[in-house]
Amino acid sequence: MYDYILSLETPWHEAEKLIQELAWRDYWQYVWIAKGEAIHTDLKSLQSPVSNYEIPKAILNACTGIEVVDEAIKELYNTGYMHNHMRMYIASVCCNIAHCHWLEPAKWLYAHLLDGDSASNQLSWQWVAGTFSNKKYYANQDNINKFFRSEQKDTFLDVHYESFDKLDIPDILSETAPLEIDYLLPKVNDNSALKDQNSLIYNYYNIDPWWHKGEKFQRILLLEPSKFERNRVSSKCITFALELSKNIPDIKLFVGEFEELFEYIQTDKIRYKEHPLNSNYSGFEEPRDWLSSVDGYFPSFFSFWKKCKKELLQ
């Protein structure tokens, strides 16, 4: 993506915001690498106040009464996409208005996003909830109207910013429900096509059609039930991943745990890309592509971006 942006020869001051979005994704990944499973917990400070550990039914059912929010949730269910600003608005409603702990609503959003990424999702929710930032993020109705070209008034968000800390939970958000995500992995009854030869292991986080393109490898899309049990996604997302994999010629589908591959392929013939969810893999690990050489944990995005930007401008 960065190379494509450069190819457009867009002046830096016009392209910087988009490039910064790419840097945010790298930044979240480095936090995930550094913190591991702790990204599913309050990282810097405890969320407060918390009234429940579920999700407002009004969010689940797209009936908050805020028109563009409800439309965006319906679009999420239909298409698997949601505008980045809207993701922040919904997180703010769940965490800072309804006082739900961020984790279950974050899992709900991740489960329906076709571009879902655990690090970007969990840590963005924490940023909004104030557990990975210095303060909570709020958006009032005027802000939403401005960015989504709506004109709605008299909602529970139609208040001045200084009033948010004093708001009671609106009645429409008071009823909550636990997260329920049904998913169905495809069944593969015959793995006889697998050969004991040099193999590239793809997965839900790596369906890169350019990886060793044109080179002679057996290519396998691995879907591990244990990973999906811990990080549930909708069947729509799984179908989308399977459709994407068709861009990789002759790819073979394997539904099972990584260790089960050893029945067919020796470890020294396996290659895979580095990723926090691949800690149980063995074989030859290849690095992922990054925006810059700046790596490691930074306590804030802008301390990371400062170094990243300096390198990119050289």
C-alpha atoms as a PDB file:
ATOM      1  CA  MET A   1       0.000   0.000   0.000  1.00  0.00           C
ATOM      2  CA  TYR A   2       2.786   2.450   0.893  1.00  0.00           C
ATOM      3  CA  ASP A   3       4.549   1.765  -2.419  1.00  0.00           C
ATOM      4  CA  TYR A   4       1.264   2.412  -4.214  1.00  0.00           C
ATOM      5  CA  ILE A   5       0.849   5.749  -2.417  1.00  0.00           C
ATOM      6  CA  LEU A   6       4.382   6.713  -3.452  1.00  0.00           C
ATOM      7  CA  SER A   7       3.647   5.769  -7.048  1.00  0.00           C
ATOM      8  CA  LEU A   8       0.888   8.403  -7.144  1.00  0.00           C
ATOM      9  CA  GLU A   9       3.527  11.080  -6.467  1.00  0.00           C
ATOM     10  CA  THR A  10       1.168  12.770  -4.008  1.00  0.00           C
ATOM     11  CA  PRO A  11       2.825  15.553  -1.975  1.00  0.00           C
ATOM     12  CA  TRP A  12       3.731  14.405   1.533  1.00  0.00           C
ATOM     13  CA  HIS A  13       1.452  16.924   3.245  1.00  0.00           C
ATOM     14  CA  GLU A  14      -1.509  15.470   1.327  1.00  0.00           C
ATOM     15  CA  ALA A  15      -0.568  11.802   1.788  1.00  0.00           C
ATOM     16  CA  GLU A  16       0.674  11.951   5.379  1.00  0.00           C
ATOM     17  CA  LYS A  17      -2.680  11.249   7.028  1.00  0.00           C
ATOM     18  CA  LEU A  18      -3.210   8.076   4.977  1.00  0.00           C
ATOM     19  CA  ILE A  19       0.383   6.936   5.579  1.00  0.00           C
ATOM     20  CA  GLN A  20      -0.142   7.583   9.267  1.00  0.00           C
ATOM     21  CA  GLU A  21      -3.083   5.154   9.203  1.00  0.00           C
ATOM     22  CA  LEU A  22      -0.713   2.463   7.912  1.00  0.00           C
ATOM     23  CA  ALA A  23       1.665   3.333  10.735  1.00  0.00           C
ATOM     24  CA  TRP A  24      -1.115   2.941  13.292  1.00  0.00           C
ATOM     25  CA  ARG A  25      -1.586  -0.663  12.164  1.00  0.00           C
ATOM     26  CA  ASP A  26       2.140  -1.363  12.550  1.00  0.00           C
ATOM     27  CA  TYR A  27       2.126   0.330  15.957  1.00  0.00           C
ATOM     28  CA  TRP A  28      -0.729  -1.841  17.243  1.00  0.00           C
ATOM     29  CA  GLN A  29       1.086  -4.944  15.993  1.00  0.00           C
ATOM     30  CA  TYR A  30       4.246  -4.034  17.906  1.00  0.00           C
ATOM     31  CA  VAL A  31       2.180  -3.508  21.062  1.00  0.00           C
ATOM     32  CA  TRP A  32       0.683  -6.967  20.516  1.00  0.00           C
ATOM     33  CA  ILE A  33       4.127  -8.506  20.047  1.00  0.00           C
ATOM     34  CA  ALA A  34       5.343  -6.836  23.259  1.00  0.00           C
ATOM     35  CA  LYS A  35       2.272  -7.452  25.421  1.00  0.00           C
ATOM     36  CA  GLY A  36       0.956 -10.729  24.029  1.00  0.00           C
ATOM     37  CA  GLU A  37      -2.364 -11.908  25.453  1.00  0.00           C
ATOM     38  CA  ALA A  38      -2.403  -8.881  27.770  1.00  0.00           C
ATOM     39  CA  ILE A  39      -3.942  -6.859  24.913  1.00  0.00           C
ATOM     40  CA  HIS A  40      -7.213  -8.504  25.977  1.00  0.00           C
ATOM     41  CA  THR A  41      -6.934  -6.853  29.409  1.00  0.00           C
ATOM     42  CA  ASP A  42      -6.853  -3.229  30.598  1.00  0.00           C
ATOM     43  CA  LEU A  43      -3.266  -2.320  29.709  1.00  0.00           C
ATOM     44  CA  LYS A  44      -2.415   1.011  31.340  1.00  0.00           C
ATOM     45  CA  SER A  45      -5.290   1.713  33.698  1.00  0.00           C
ATOM     46  CA  LEU A  46      -8.543   0.082  34.746  1.00  0.00           C
ATOM     47  CA  GLN A  47     -11.677   1.135  32.938  1.00  0.00           C
ATOM     48  CA  SER A  48     -14.007   3.072  35.207  1.00  0.00           C
ATOM     49  CA  PRO A  49     -16.892   3.094  35.738  1.00  0.00           C
ATOM     50  CA  VAL A  50     -17.937  -0.380  34.573  1.00  0.00           C
ATOM     51  CA  SER A  51     -21.529  -1.481  35.104  1.00  0.00           C
ATOM     52  CA  ASN A  52     -21.453  -4.768  33.182  1.00  0.00           C
ATOM     53  CA  TYR A  53     -19.370  -7.094  31.037  1.00  0.00           C
ATOM     54  CA  GLU A  54     -21.861  -7.517  28.199  1.00  0.00           C
ATOM     55  CA  ILE A  55     -23.058  -5.505  25.172  1.00  0.00           C
ATOM     56  CA  PRO A  56     -26.045  -3.142  24.941  1.00  0.00           C
ATOM     57  CA  LYS A  57     -28.897  -4.878  23.149  1.00  0.00           C
ATOM     58  CA  ALA A  58     -29.517  -1.611  21.332  1.00  0.00           C
ATOM     59  CA  ILE A  59     -26.086  -1.998  19.716  1.00  0.00           C
ATOM     60  CA  LEU A  60     -26.602  -5.658  18.863  1.00  0.00           C
ATOM     61  CA  ASN A  61     -30.036  -4.937  17.385  1.00  0.00           C
ATOM     62  CA  ALA A  62     -29.093  -1.642  15.687  1.00  0.00           C
ATOM     63  CA  CYS A  63     -31.780   0.307  17.545  1.00  0.00           C
ATOM     64  CA  THR A  64     -29.894   2.961  19.539  1.00  0.00           C
ATOM     65  CA  GLY A  65     -32.070   5.701  18.067  1.00  0.00           C
ATOM     66  CA  ILE A  66     -29.012   7.398  16.567  1.00  0.00           C
ATOM     67  CA  GLU A  67     -29.810   6.994  12.897  1.00  0.00           C
ATOM     68  CA  VAL A  68     -26.350   6.860  11.342  1.00  0.00           C
ATOM     69  CA  VAL A  69     -25.080   4.532  14.083  1.00  0.00           C
ATOM     70  CA  ASP A  70     -27.945   2.106  13.526  1.00  0.00           C
ATOM     71  CA  GLU A  71     -27.423   2.259   9.761  1.00  0.00           C
ATOM     72  CA  ALA A  72     -23.695   1.555  10.218  1.00  0.00           C
ATOM     73  CA  ILE A  73     -24.385  -1.507  12.378  1.00  0.00           C
ATOM     74  CA  LYS A  74     -26.793  -2.879   9.784  1.00  0.00           C
ATOM     75  CA  GLU A  75     -24.176  -2.246   7.095  1.00  0.00           C
ATOM     76  CA  LEU A  76     -21.597  -4.078   9.235  1.00  0.00           C
ATOM     77  CA  TYR A  77     -23.846  -7.132   9.414  1.00  0.00           C
ATOM     78  CA  ASN A  78     -24.543  -6.993   5.667  1.00  0.00           C
ATOM     79  CA  THR A  79     -21.098  -6.165   4.315  1.00  0.00           C
ATOM     80  CA  GLY A  80     -18.477  -6.698   7.026  1.00  0.00           C
ATOM     81  CA  TYR A  81     -17.295  -3.099   6.821  1.00  0.00           C
ATOM     82  CA  MET A  82     -17.563  -0.053   9.072  1.00  0.00           C
ATOM     83  CA  HIS A  83     -16.000   3.410   8.762  1.00  0.00           C
ATOM     84  CA  ASN A  84     -13.134   3.959  11.193  1.00  0.00           C
ATOM     85  CA  HIS A  85     -14.783   7.023  12.793  1.00  0.00           C
ATOM     86  CA  MET A  86     -17.973   5.027  13.321  1.00  0.00           C
ATOM     87  CA  ARG A  87     -16.017   2.277  15.077  1.00  0.00           C
ATOM     88  CA  MET A  88     -14.815   4.903  17.562  1.00  0.00           C
ATOM     89  CA  TYR A  89     -18.316   6.342  18.023  1.00  0.00           C
ATOM     90  CA  ILE A  90     -19.764   2.916  18.795  1.00  0.00           C
ATOM     91  CA  ALA A  91     -16.920   2.089  21.163  1.00  0.00           C
ATOM     92  CA  SER A  92     -17.554   5.355  22.991  1.00  0.00           C
ATOM     93  CA  VAL A  93     -21.278   4.622  23.272  1.00  0.00           C
ATOM     94  CA  CYS A  94     -20.619   1.116  24.644  1.00  0.00           C
ATOM     95  CA  CYS A  95     -17.794   1.965  27.030  1.00  0.00           C
ATOM     96  CA  ASN A  96     -18.210   5.584  28.052  1.00  0.00           C
ATOM     97  CA  ILE A  97     -21.984   6.045  27.837  1.00  0.00           C
ATOM     98  CA  ALA A  98     -23.353   2.544  28.596  1.00  0.00           C
ATOM     99  CA  HIS A  99     -20.390   1.761  30.917  1.00  0.00           C
ATOM    100  CA  CYS A 100     -19.865  -1.700  29.424  1.00  0.00           C
ATOM    101  CA  HIS A 101     -16.383  -3.099  29.853  1.00  0.00           C
ATOM    102  CA  TRP A 102     -14.723  -2.762  26.448  1.00  0.00           C
ATOM    103  CA  LEU A 103     -13.740  -6.416  25.887  1.00  0.00           C
ATOM    104  CA  GLU A 104     -17.052  -8.050  24.910  1.00  0.00           C
ATOM    105  CA  PRO A 105     -18.165  -5.227  22.580  1.00  0.00           C
ATOM    106  CA  ALA A 106     -14.689  -5.289  21.025  1.00  0.00           C
ATOM    107  CA  LYS A 107     -15.035  -9.016  20.380  1.00  0.00           C
ATOM    108  CA  TRP A 108     -18.430  -8.370  18.795  1.00  0.00           C
ATOM    109  CA  LEU A 109     -17.025  -5.827  16.350  1.00  0.00           C
ATOM    110  CA  TYR A 110     -13.976  -7.940  15.504  1.00  0.00           C
ATOM    111  CA  ALA A 111     -16.190 -10.944  14.801  1.00  0.00           C
ATOM    112  CA  HIS A 112     -18.053  -9.106  12.041  1.00  0.00           C
ATOM    113  CA  LEU A 113     -15.261  -7.109  10.380  1.00  0.00           C
ATOM    114  CA  LEU A 114     -13.859  -8.556   7.175  1.00  0.00           C
ATOM    115  CA  ASP A 115     -10.679  -6.545   7.859  1.00  0.00           C
ATOM    116  CA  GLY A 116     -10.684  -7.495  11.536  1.00  0.00           C
ATOM    117  CA  ASP A 117      -7.326  -7.514  13.300  1.00  0.00           C
ATOM    118  CA  SER A 118      -7.082  -8.313  17.001  1.00  0.00           C
ATOM    119  CA  ALA A 119      -4.383  -5.754  17.777  1.00  0.00           C
ATOM    120  CA  SER A 120      -5.975  -2.840  15.896  1.00  0.00           C
ATOM    121  CA  ASN A 121      -9.401  -3.701  17.249  1.00  0.00           C
ATOM    122  CA  GLN A 122      -8.680  -4.453  20.913  1.00  0.00           C
ATOM    123  CA  LEU A 123      -6.225  -1.608  21.383  1.00  0.00           C
ATOM    124  CA  SER A 124      -8.434   0.924  19.593  1.00  0.00           C
ATOM    125  CA  TRP A 125     -11.276   0.022  21.961  1.00  0.00           C
ATOM    126  CA  GLN A 126      -8.878   0.432  24.870  1.00  0.00           C
ATOM    127  CA  TRP A 127      -7.820   3.820  23.499  1.00  0.00           C
ATOM    128  CA  VAL A 128     -11.475   4.934  23.436  1.00  0.00           C
ATOM    129  CA  ALA A 129     -12.212   3.494  26.898  1.00  0.00           C
ATOM    130  CA  GLY A 130      -9.175   5.203  28.418  1.00  0.00           C
ATOM    131  CA  THR A 131      -7.359   2.018  29.415  1.00  0.00           C
ATOM    132  CA  PHE A 132      -4.593   2.581  26.843  1.00  0.00           C
ATOM    133  CA  SER A 133      -4.725   6.374  26.632  1.00  0.00           C
ATOM    134  CA  ASN A 134      -4.669   9.409  28.894  1.00  0.00           C
ATOM    135  CA  LYS A 135      -8.387  10.108  28.630  1.00  0.00           C
ATOM    136  CA  LYS A 136     -11.604   8.656  27.262  1.00  0.00           C
ATOM    137  CA  TYR A 137     -12.821   9.462  23.773  1.00  0.00           C
ATOM    138  CA  TYR A 138     -16.283  10.984  23.354  1.00  0.00           C
ATOM    139  CA  ALA A 139     -18.242  12.081  20.301  1.00  0.00           C
ATOM    140  CA  ASN A 140     -21.465  14.071  20.627  1.00  0.00           C
ATOM    141  CA  GLN A 141     -24.311  14.302  18.154  1.00  0.00           C
ATOM    142  CA  ASP A 142     -22.933  17.465  16.538  1.00  0.00           C
ATOM    143  CA  ASN A 143     -19.658  15.661  15.821  1.00  0.00           C
ATOM    144  CA  ILE A 144     -21.474  12.688  14.326  1.00  0.00           C
ATOM    145  CA  ASN A 145     -23.704  14.971  12.230  1.00  0.00           C
ATOM    146  CA  LYS A 146     -20.644  16.803  10.919  1.00  0.00           C
ATOM    147  CA  PHE A 147     -18.717  13.755   9.757  1.00  0.00           C
ATOM    148  CA  PHE A 148     -21.691  11.682   8.575  1.00  0.00           C
ATOM    149  CA  ARG A 149     -23.678  14.545   7.061  1.00  0.00           C
ATOM    150  CA  SER A 150     -26.724  13.965   9.212  1.00  0.00           C
ATOM    151  CA  GLU A 151     -28.974  16.494  10.937  1.00  0.00           C
ATOM    152  CA  GLN A 152     -30.412  14.498  13.822  1.00  0.00           C
ATOM    153  CA  LYS A 153     -31.127  16.204  17.146  1.00  0.00           C
ATOM    154  CA  ASP A 154     -32.429  15.332  20.620  1.00  0.00           C
ATOM    155  CA  THR A 155     -30.565  12.028  21.037  1.00  0.00           C
ATOM    156  CA  PHE A 156     -28.739  10.934  24.193  1.00  0.00           C
ATOM    157  CA  LEU A 157     -25.555  12.209  22.538  1.00  0.00           C
ATOM    158  CA  ASP A 158     -26.981  15.656  21.842  1.00  0.00           C
ATOM    159  CA  VAL A 159     -25.118  17.247  24.765  1.00  0.00           C
ATOM    160  CA  HIS A 160     -22.047  19.418  25.317  1.00  0.00           C
ATOM    161  CA  TYR A 161     -18.786  17.565  25.938  1.00  0.00           C
ATOM    162  CA  GLU A 162     -18.461  18.776  29.512  1.00  0.00           C
ATOM    163  CA  SER A 163     -21.752  16.965  30.313  1.00  0.00           C
ATOM    164  CA  PHE A 164     -20.592  13.471  29.377  1.00  0.00           C
ATOM    165  CA  ASP A 165     -18.982  12.608  32.727  1.00  0.00           C
ATOM    166  CA  LYS A 166     -22.257  13.397  34.497  1.00  0.00           C
ATOM    167  CA  LEU A 167     -24.621  11.457  32.245  1.00  0.00           C
ATOM    168  CA  ASP A 168     -26.662   8.573  33.589  1.00  0.00           C
ATOM    169  CA  ILE A 169     -26.812   5.487  31.387  1.00  0.00           C
ATOM    170  CA  PRO A 170     -29.623   6.150  28.881  1.00  0.00           C
ATOM    171  CA  ASP A 171     -32.570   3.769  29.204  1.00  0.00           C
ATOM    172  CA  ILE A 172     -32.078   2.559  25.618  1.00  0.00           C
ATOM    173  CA  LEU A 173     -28.591   1.287  26.566  1.00  0.00           C
ATOM    174  CA  SER A 174     -29.436  -0.211  29.955  1.00  0.00           C
ATOM    175  CA  GLU A 175     -30.422  -3.675  28.733  1.00  0.00           C
ATOM    176  CA  THR A 176     -27.416  -5.823  27.838  1.00  0.00           C
ATOM    177  CA  ALA A 177     -26.704  -9.306  26.497  1.00  0.00           C
ATOM    178  CA  PRO A 178     -23.678 -11.626  26.320  1.00  0.00           C
ATOM    179  CA  LEU A 179     -21.727 -12.080  23.113  1.00  0.00           C
ATOM    180  CA  GLU A 180     -22.934 -14.918  20.894  1.00  0.00           C
ATOM    181  CA  ILE A 181     -21.070 -15.607  17.665  1.00  0.00           C
ATOM    182  CA  ASP A 182     -21.848 -18.676  15.610  1.00  0.00           C
ATOM    183  CA  TYR A 183     -19.216 -19.708  13.120  1.00  0.00           C
ATOM    184  CA  LEU A 184     -18.712 -22.740  10.958  1.00  0.00           C
ATOM    185  CA  LEU A 185     -15.360 -23.876   9.646  1.00  0.00           C
ATOM    186  CA  PRO A 186     -15.469 -25.875   6.409  1.00  0.00           C
ATOM    187  CA  LYS A 187     -15.039 -29.624   6.621  1.00  0.00           C
ATOM    188  CA  VAL A 188     -12.164 -31.306   4.836  1.00  0.00           C
ATOM    189  CA  ASN A 189     -12.472 -35.059   4.875  1.00  0.00           C
ATOM    190  CA  ASP A 190      -9.555 -35.906   2.616  1.00  0.00           C
ATOM    191  CA  ASN A 191      -6.007 -34.524   2.985  1.00  0.00           C
ATOM    192  CA  SER A 192      -4.441 -37.073   0.660  1.00  0.00           C
ATOM    193  CA  ALA A 193      -3.444 -34.288  -1.749  1.00  0.00           C
ATOM    194  CA  LEU A 194      -0.887 -32.975   0.758  1.00  0.00           C
ATOM    195  CA  LYS A 195       2.679 -33.885  -0.121  1.00  0.00           C
ATOM    196  CA  ASP A 196       5.843 -34.012   1.968  1.00  0.00           C
ATOM    197  CA  GLN A 197       7.495 -31.125   0.160  1.00  0.00           C
ATOM    198  CA  ASN A 198       8.490 -27.503   0.722  1.00  0.00           C
ATOM    199  CA  SER A 199       5.323 -25.768   1.856  1.00  0.00           C
ATOM    200  CA  LEU A 200       4.070 -22.267   2.612  1.00  0.00           C
ATOM    201  CA  ILE A 201       1.542 -22.049   5.435  1.00  0.00           C
ATOM    202  CA  TYR A 202      -1.102 -19.367   5.023  1.00  0.00           C
ATOM    203  CA  ASN A 203      -3.758 -18.589   7.620  1.00  0.00           C
ATOM    204  CA  TYR A 204      -6.555 -16.142   8.444  1.00  0.00           C
ATOM    205  CA  TYR A 205      -3.981 -13.357   8.960  1.00  0.00           C
ATOM    206  CA  ASN A 206      -1.863 -14.135   5.923  1.00  0.00           C
ATOM    207  CA  ILE A 207      -3.545 -14.673   2.561  1.00  0.00           C
ATOM    208  CA  ASP A 208      -0.898 -12.809   0.581  1.00  0.00           C
ATOM    209  CA  PRO A 209      -1.057 -13.829  -3.115  1.00  0.00           C
ATOM    210  CA  TRP A 210       2.377 -12.236  -3.745  1.00  0.00           C
ATOM    211  CA  TRP A 211       4.227 -14.326  -1.148  1.00  0.00           C
ATOM    212  CA  HIS A 212       6.931 -16.249  -3.081  1.00  0.00           C
ATOM    213  CA  LYS A 213       4.814 -15.816  -6.207  1.00  0.00           C
ATOM    214  CA  GLY A 214       6.044 -17.924  -9.097  1.00  0.00           C
ATOM    215  CA  GLU A 215       8.264 -20.074  -6.862  1.00  0.00           C
ATOM    216  CA  LYS A 216       7.746 -23.791  -6.451  1.00  0.00           C
ATOM    217  CA  PHE A 217       6.002 -24.423  -3.134  1.00  0.00           C
ATOM    218  CA  GLN A 218       3.059 -26.396  -1.904  1.00  0.00           C
ATOM    219  CA  ARG A 219       0.644 -23.755  -0.598  1.00  0.00           C
ATOM    220  CA  ILE A 220      -1.655 -24.554   2.322  1.00  0.00           C
ATOM    221  CA  LEU A 221      -4.353 -22.443   3.969  1.00  0.00           C
ATOM    222  CA  LEU A 222      -4.406 -23.575   7.596  1.00  0.00           C
ATOM    223  CA  LEU A 223      -7.540 -22.924   9.668  1.00  0.00           C
ATOM    224  CA  GLU A 224      -7.001 -23.979  13.283  1.00  0.00           C
ATOM    225  CA  PRO A 225     -10.237 -24.580  15.239  1.00  0.00           C
ATOM    226  CA  SER A 226      -8.538 -23.632  18.517  1.00  0.00           C
ATOM    227  CA  LYS A 227      -7.646 -20.170  17.167  1.00  0.00           C
ATOM    228  CA  PHE A 228     -11.192 -19.500  16.011  1.00  0.00           C
ATOM    229  CA  GLU A 229     -12.608 -20.709  19.298  1.00  0.00           C
ATOM    230  CA  ARG A 230     -10.550 -18.063  21.125  1.00  0.00           C
ATOM    231  CA  ASN A 231     -10.979 -15.356  18.461  1.00  0.00           C
ATOM    232  CA  ARG A 232     -14.410 -15.959  17.013  1.00  0.00           C
ATOM    233  CA  VAL A 233     -15.455 -14.488  13.683  1.00  0.00           C
ATOM    234  CA  SER A 234     -18.701 -14.750  11.776  1.00  0.00           C
ATOM    235  CA  SER A 235     -19.189 -17.305   9.034  1.00  0.00           C
ATOM    236  CA  LYS A 236     -19.285 -14.354   6.600  1.00  0.00           C
ATOM    237  CA  CYS A 237     -15.673 -13.555   7.540  1.00  0.00           C
ATOM    238  CA  ILE A 238     -14.571 -17.149   7.086  1.00  0.00           C
ATOM    239  CA  THR A 239     -16.253 -17.286   3.677  1.00  0.00           C
ATOM    240  CA  PHE A 240     -14.493 -14.037   2.726  1.00  0.00           C
ATOM    241  CA  ALA A 241     -11.105 -15.495   3.696  1.00  0.00           C
ATOM    242  CA  LEU A 242     -11.783 -18.623   1.651  1.00  0.00           C
ATOM    243  CA  GLU A 243     -12.720 -16.482  -1.369  1.00  0.00           C
ATOM    244  CA  LEU A 244      -9.514 -14.457  -0.989  1.00  0.00           C
ATOM    245  CA  SER A 245      -7.450 -17.645  -0.918  1.00  0.00           C
ATOM    246  CA  LYS A 246      -8.644 -18.439  -4.439  1.00  0.00           C
ATOM    247  CA  ASN A 247      -6.223 -15.742  -5.627  1.00  0.00           C
ATOM    248  CA  ILE A 248      -3.419 -18.158  -4.711  1.00  0.00           C
ATOM    249  CA  PRO A 249      -3.059 -20.821  -7.435  1.00  0.00           C
ATOM    250  CA  ASP A 250      -3.408 -24.442  -6.308  1.00  0.00           C
ATOM    251  CA  ILE A 251      -3.789 -23.583  -2.624  1.00  0.00           C
ATOM    252  CA  LYS A 252      -4.918 -26.494  -0.464  1.00  0.00           C
ATOM    253  CA  LEU A 253      -7.217 -26.146   2.542  1.00  0.00           C
ATOM    254  CA  PHE A 254      -6.323 -27.828   5.836  1.00  0.00           C
ATOM    255  CA  VAL A 255      -8.733 -27.528   8.777  1.00  0.00           C
ATOM    256  CA  GLY A 256      -6.983 -28.717  11.925  1.00  0.00           C
ATOM    257  CA  GLU A 257      -4.231 -27.794  14.349  1.00  0.00           C
ATOM    258  CA  PHE A 258      -0.747 -26.928  13.123  1.00  0.00           C
ATOM    259  CA  GLU A 259       0.748 -30.016  14.787  1.00  0.00           C
ATOM    260  CA  GLU A 260      -1.518 -32.239  12.699  1.00  0.00           C
ATOM    261  CA  LEU A 261       0.363 -31.146   9.577  1.00  0.00           C
ATOM    262  CA  PHE A 262       3.349 -33.191  10.748  1.00  0.00           C
ATOM    263  CA  GLU A 263       1.466 -36.312   9.684  1.00  0.00           C
ATOM    264  CA  TYR A 264       1.995 -35.125   6.118  1.00  0.00           C
ATOM    265  CA  ILE A 265       4.951 -32.710   6.063  1.00  0.00           C
ATOM    266  CA  GLN A 266       8.290 -32.672   7.850  1.00  0.00           C
ATOM    267  CA  THR A 267       8.971 -29.593   9.990  1.00  0.00           C
ATOM    268  CA  ASP A 268      12.052 -28.508   8.030  1.00  0.00           C
ATOM    269  CA  LYS A 269       9.916 -28.161   4.889  1.00  0.00           C
ATOM    270  CA  ILE A 270       7.472 -25.688   6.438  1.00  0.00           C
ATOM    271  CA  ARG A 271       7.643 -21.897   5.998  1.00  0.00           C
ATOM    272  CA  TYR A 272       5.330 -19.363   7.617  1.00  0.00           C
ATOM    273  CA  LYS A 273       5.186 -15.652   8.407  1.00  0.00           C
ATOM    274  CA  GLU A 274       5.847 -14.252  11.860  1.00  0.00           C
ATOM    275  CA  HIS A 275       2.677 -13.309  13.764  1.00  0.00           C
ATOM    276  CA  PRO A 276       1.679 -13.315  17.450  1.00  0.00           C
ATOM    277  CA  LEU A 277      -0.932 -16.011  16.772  1.00  0.00           C
ATOM    278  CA  ASN A 278       1.701 -18.289  15.214  1.00  0.00           C
ATOM    279  CA  SER A 279       3.625 -18.952  18.431  1.00  0.00           C
ATOM    280  CA  ASN A 280       2.791 -22.669  18.199  1.00  0.00           C
ATOM    281  CA  TYR A 281       4.236 -22.961  14.674  1.00  0.00           C
ATOM    282  CA  SER A 282       7.580 -24.539  13.935  1.00  0.00           C
ATOM    283  CA  GLY A 283       9.702 -24.634  10.808  1.00  0.00           C
ATOM    284  CA  PHE A 284      11.226 -21.630   9.031  1.00  0.00           C
ATOM    285  CA  GLU A 285       9.768 -18.302  10.148  1.00  0.00           C
ATOM    286  CA  GLU A 286       9.827 -15.397   7.702  1.00  0.00           C
ATOM    287  CA  PRO A 287       9.368 -11.753   8.712  1.00  0.00           C
ATOM    288  CA  ARG A 288       6.249  -9.834   7.836  1.00  0.00           C
ATOM    289  CA  ASP A 289       6.329  -6.685   5.711  1.00  0.00           C
ATOM    290  CA  TRP A 290       6.476  -3.455   7.732  1.00  0.00           C
ATOM    291  CA  LEU A 291       6.147   0.202   6.827  1.00  0.00           C
ATOM    292  CA  SER A 292       9.616   1.034   8.194  1.00  0.00           C
ATOM    293  CA  SER A 293      12.495  -0.512  10.138  1.00  0.00           C
ATOM    294  CA  VAL A 294      11.295   1.158  13.361  1.00  0.00           C
ATOM    295  CA  ASP A 295      10.217  -1.618  15.703  1.00  0.00           C
ATOM    296  CA  GLY A 296       9.730  -2.438  19.366  1.00  0.00           C
ATOM    297  CA  TYR A 297       7.314  -1.146  21.974  1.00  0.00           C
ATOM    298  CA  PHE A 298       6.524   2.565  22.258  1.00  0.00           C
ATOM    299  CA  PRO A 299       4.251   3.890  25.033  1.00  0.00           C
ATOM    300  CA  SER A 300       2.396   6.118  22.574  1.00  0.00           C
ATOM    301  CA  PHE A 301       1.679   6.142  18.859  1.00  0.00           C
ATOM    302  CA  PHE A 302       3.173   9.561  18.271  1.00  0.00           C
ATOM    303  CA  SER A 303       6.516   8.595  19.801  1.00  0.00           C
ATOM    304  CA  PHE A 304       6.518   5.697  17.324  1.00  0.00           C
ATOM    305  CA  TRP A 305       5.320   7.870  14.428  1.00  0.00           C
ATOM    306  CA  LYS A 306       8.013  10.479  15.050  1.00  0.00           C
ATOM    307  CA  LYS A 307      10.767   7.956  14.347  1.00  0.00           C
ATOM    308  CA  CYS A 308       8.839   6.259  11.573  1.00  0.00           C
ATOM    309  CA  LYS A 309       8.161   9.548   9.765  1.00  0.00           C
ATOM    310  CA  LYS A 310      11.804  10.574  10.015  1.00  0.00           C
ATOM    311  CA  GLU A 311      12.871   7.366   8.257  1.00  0.00           C
ATOM    312  CA  LEU A 312      10.204   7.613   5.575  1.00  0.00           C
ATOM    313  CA  LEU A 313      11.210  11.172   4.694  1.00  0.00           C
ATOM    314  CA  GLN A 314      14.880  10.281   4.192  1.00  0.00           C
END
